[in-house]
C-alpha cells in the first residue's frame, strides 16, 4: 500500500495504459487514456480532419471545407 501512495501517478499511469492496451475500446483517439497509449506505443493516429472526411462519414463537411 505504501508503494501506491508514494508513486500514485506512476501506478495510475500503468493501470490506465495496461487496461487500454488489453481493451482498446477503453482508449479512443483524443481521449486521455488514448493519448497515454499513443505516447507509450508511438502509434500514429489520424488527424481530426482525416477522421471527419474518411469514408464512411457523417458528411459533416458536405458543402463546407474547413480552413487549414
C-alpha atoms as a PDB file:
ATOM      1  CA  UNK A   1       0.000   0.000   0.000  1.00  0.00           C
ATOM      2  CA  UNK A   2       2.888   2.363   0.708  1.00  0.00           C
ATOM      3  CA  UNK A   3       4.067   1.999  -2.897  1.00  0.00           C
ATOM      4  CA  UNK A   4       0.718   3.270  -4.170  1.00  0.00           C
ATOM      5  CA  UNK A   5       0.864   6.376  -2.014  1.00  0.00           C
ATOM      6  CA  UNK A   6       4.440   7.252  -2.890  1.00  0.00           C
ATOM      7  CA  UNK A   7       4.126   6.538  -6.586  1.00  0.00           C
ATOM      8  CA  UNK A   8       0.437   7.215  -7.209  1.00  0.00           C
ATOM      9  CA  UNK A   9       0.941   8.919 -10.589  1.00  0.00           C
ATOM     10  CA  UNK A  10       3.124   6.107 -11.949  1.00  0.00           C
ATOM     11  CA  UNK A  11       0.798   3.403 -10.632  1.00  0.00           C
ATOM     12  CA  UNK A  12      -2.248   5.167 -12.113  1.00  0.00           C
ATOM     13  CA  UNK A  13      -0.453   5.633 -15.459  1.00  0.00           C
ATOM     14  CA  UNK A  14       0.492   1.938 -15.581  1.00  0.00           C
ATOM     15  CA  UNK A  15      -3.061   0.888 -14.709  1.00  0.00           C
ATOM     16  CA  UNK A  16      -4.650   3.107 -17.373  1.00  0.00           C
ATOM     17  CA  UNK A  17      -2.216   2.093 -20.118  1.00  0.00           C
ATOM     18  CA  UNK A  18      -2.413  -1.586 -19.163  1.00  0.00           C
ATOM     19  CA  UNK A  19      -6.206  -1.652 -19.320  1.00  0.00           C
ATOM     20  CA  UNK A  20      -6.266   0.362 -22.537  1.00  0.00           C
ATOM     21  CA  UNK A  21      -3.819  -1.987 -24.236  1.00  0.00           C
ATOM     22  CA  UNK A  22      -5.882  -5.004 -23.147  1.00  0.00           C
ATOM     23  CA  UNK A  23      -9.175  -3.391 -24.206  1.00  0.00           C
ATOM     24  CA  UNK A  24      -8.561  -0.756 -26.911  1.00  0.00           C
ATOM     25  CA  UNK A  25     -12.187   0.409 -26.842  1.00  0.00           C
ATOM     26  CA  UNK A  26     -11.346   1.981 -23.472  1.00  0.00           C
ATOM     27  CA  UNK A  27      -8.868   4.350 -25.158  1.00  0.00           C
ATOM     28  CA  UNK A  28     -10.383   6.028 -28.216  1.00  0.00           C
ATOM     29  CA  UNK A  29      -8.360   8.681 -30.061  1.00  0.00           C
ATOM     30  CA  UNK A  30      -8.404  12.144 -28.476  1.00  0.00           C
ATOM     31  CA  UNK A  31      -9.279  10.781 -25.016  1.00  0.00           C
ATOM     32  CA  UNK A  32      -6.867  10.950 -22.092  1.00  0.00           C
ATOM     33  CA  UNK A  33      -6.332   7.159 -21.998  1.00  0.00           C
ATOM     34  CA  UNK A  34      -5.951   7.170 -25.776  1.00  0.00           C
ATOM     35  CA  UNK A  35      -3.300   9.853 -25.605  1.00  0.00           C
ATOM     36  CA  UNK A  36      -1.365   7.910 -22.949  1.00  0.00           C
ATOM     37  CA  UNK A  37      -1.438   4.801 -25.156  1.00  0.00           C
ATOM     38  CA  UNK A  38      -0.364   6.824 -28.200  1.00  0.00           C
ATOM     39  CA  UNK A  39       2.602   8.208 -26.271  1.00  0.00           C
ATOM     40  CA  UNK A  40       3.510   4.786 -24.894  1.00  0.00           C
ATOM     41  CA  UNK A  41       3.290   2.923 -28.210  1.00  0.00           C
ATOM     42  CA  UNK A  42       4.266   5.749 -30.604  1.00  0.00           C
ATOM     43  CA  UNK A  43       1.183   4.814 -32.640  1.00  0.00           C
ATOM     44  CA  UNK A  44       0.287   7.153 -35.475  1.00  0.00           C
ATOM     45  CA  UNK A  45      -3.334   8.177 -35.279  1.00  0.00           C
ATOM     46  CA  UNK A  46      -5.311  10.063 -37.885  1.00  0.00           C
ATOM     47  CA  UNK A  47      -5.815  13.788 -37.530  1.00  0.00           C
ATOM     48  CA  UNK A  48      -9.222  15.211 -36.678  1.00  0.00           C
ATOM     49  CA  UNK A  49      -9.712  16.293 -40.309  1.00  0.00           C
ATOM     50  CA  UNK A  50      -8.850  12.793 -41.542  1.00  0.00           C
ATOM     51  CA  UNK A  51     -11.403  11.294 -39.153  1.00  0.00           C
ATOM     52  CA  UNK A  52     -14.101  13.718 -40.271  1.00  0.00           C
ATOM     53  CA  UNK A  53     -13.505  13.202 -44.012  1.00  0.00           C
ATOM     54  CA  UNK A  54     -12.938   9.445 -44.132  1.00  0.00           C
ATOM     55  CA  UNK A  55     -15.480   7.183 -45.730  1.00  0.00           C
ATOM     56  CA  UNK A  56     -17.983   6.246 -44.468  1.00  0.00           C
ATOM     57  CA  UNK A  57     -18.555   9.541 -42.733  1.00  0.00           C
ATOM     58  CA  UNK A  58     -21.338  11.601 -41.203  1.00  0.00           C
ATOM     59  CA  UNK A  59     -20.945  14.036 -44.109  1.00  0.00           C
ATOM     60  CA  UNK A  60     -20.221  16.866 -41.699  1.00  0.00           C
ATOM     61  CA  UNK A  61     -18.161  18.696 -44.316  1.00  0.00           C
ATOM     62  CA  UNK A  62     -20.609  18.429 -47.232  1.00  0.00           C
ATOM     63  CA  UNK A  63     -20.506  21.779 -48.978  1.00  0.00           C
ATOM     64  CA  UNK A  64     -18.034  23.235 -46.460  1.00  0.00           C
ATOM     65  CA  UNK A  65     -14.286  22.856 -46.309  1.00  0.00           C
ATOM     66  CA  UNK A  66     -12.678  23.983 -43.049  1.00  0.00           C
ATOM     67  CA  UNK A  67      -9.689  26.275 -43.171  1.00  0.00           C
ATOM     68  CA  UNK A  68      -6.265  24.768 -42.598  1.00  0.00           C
END
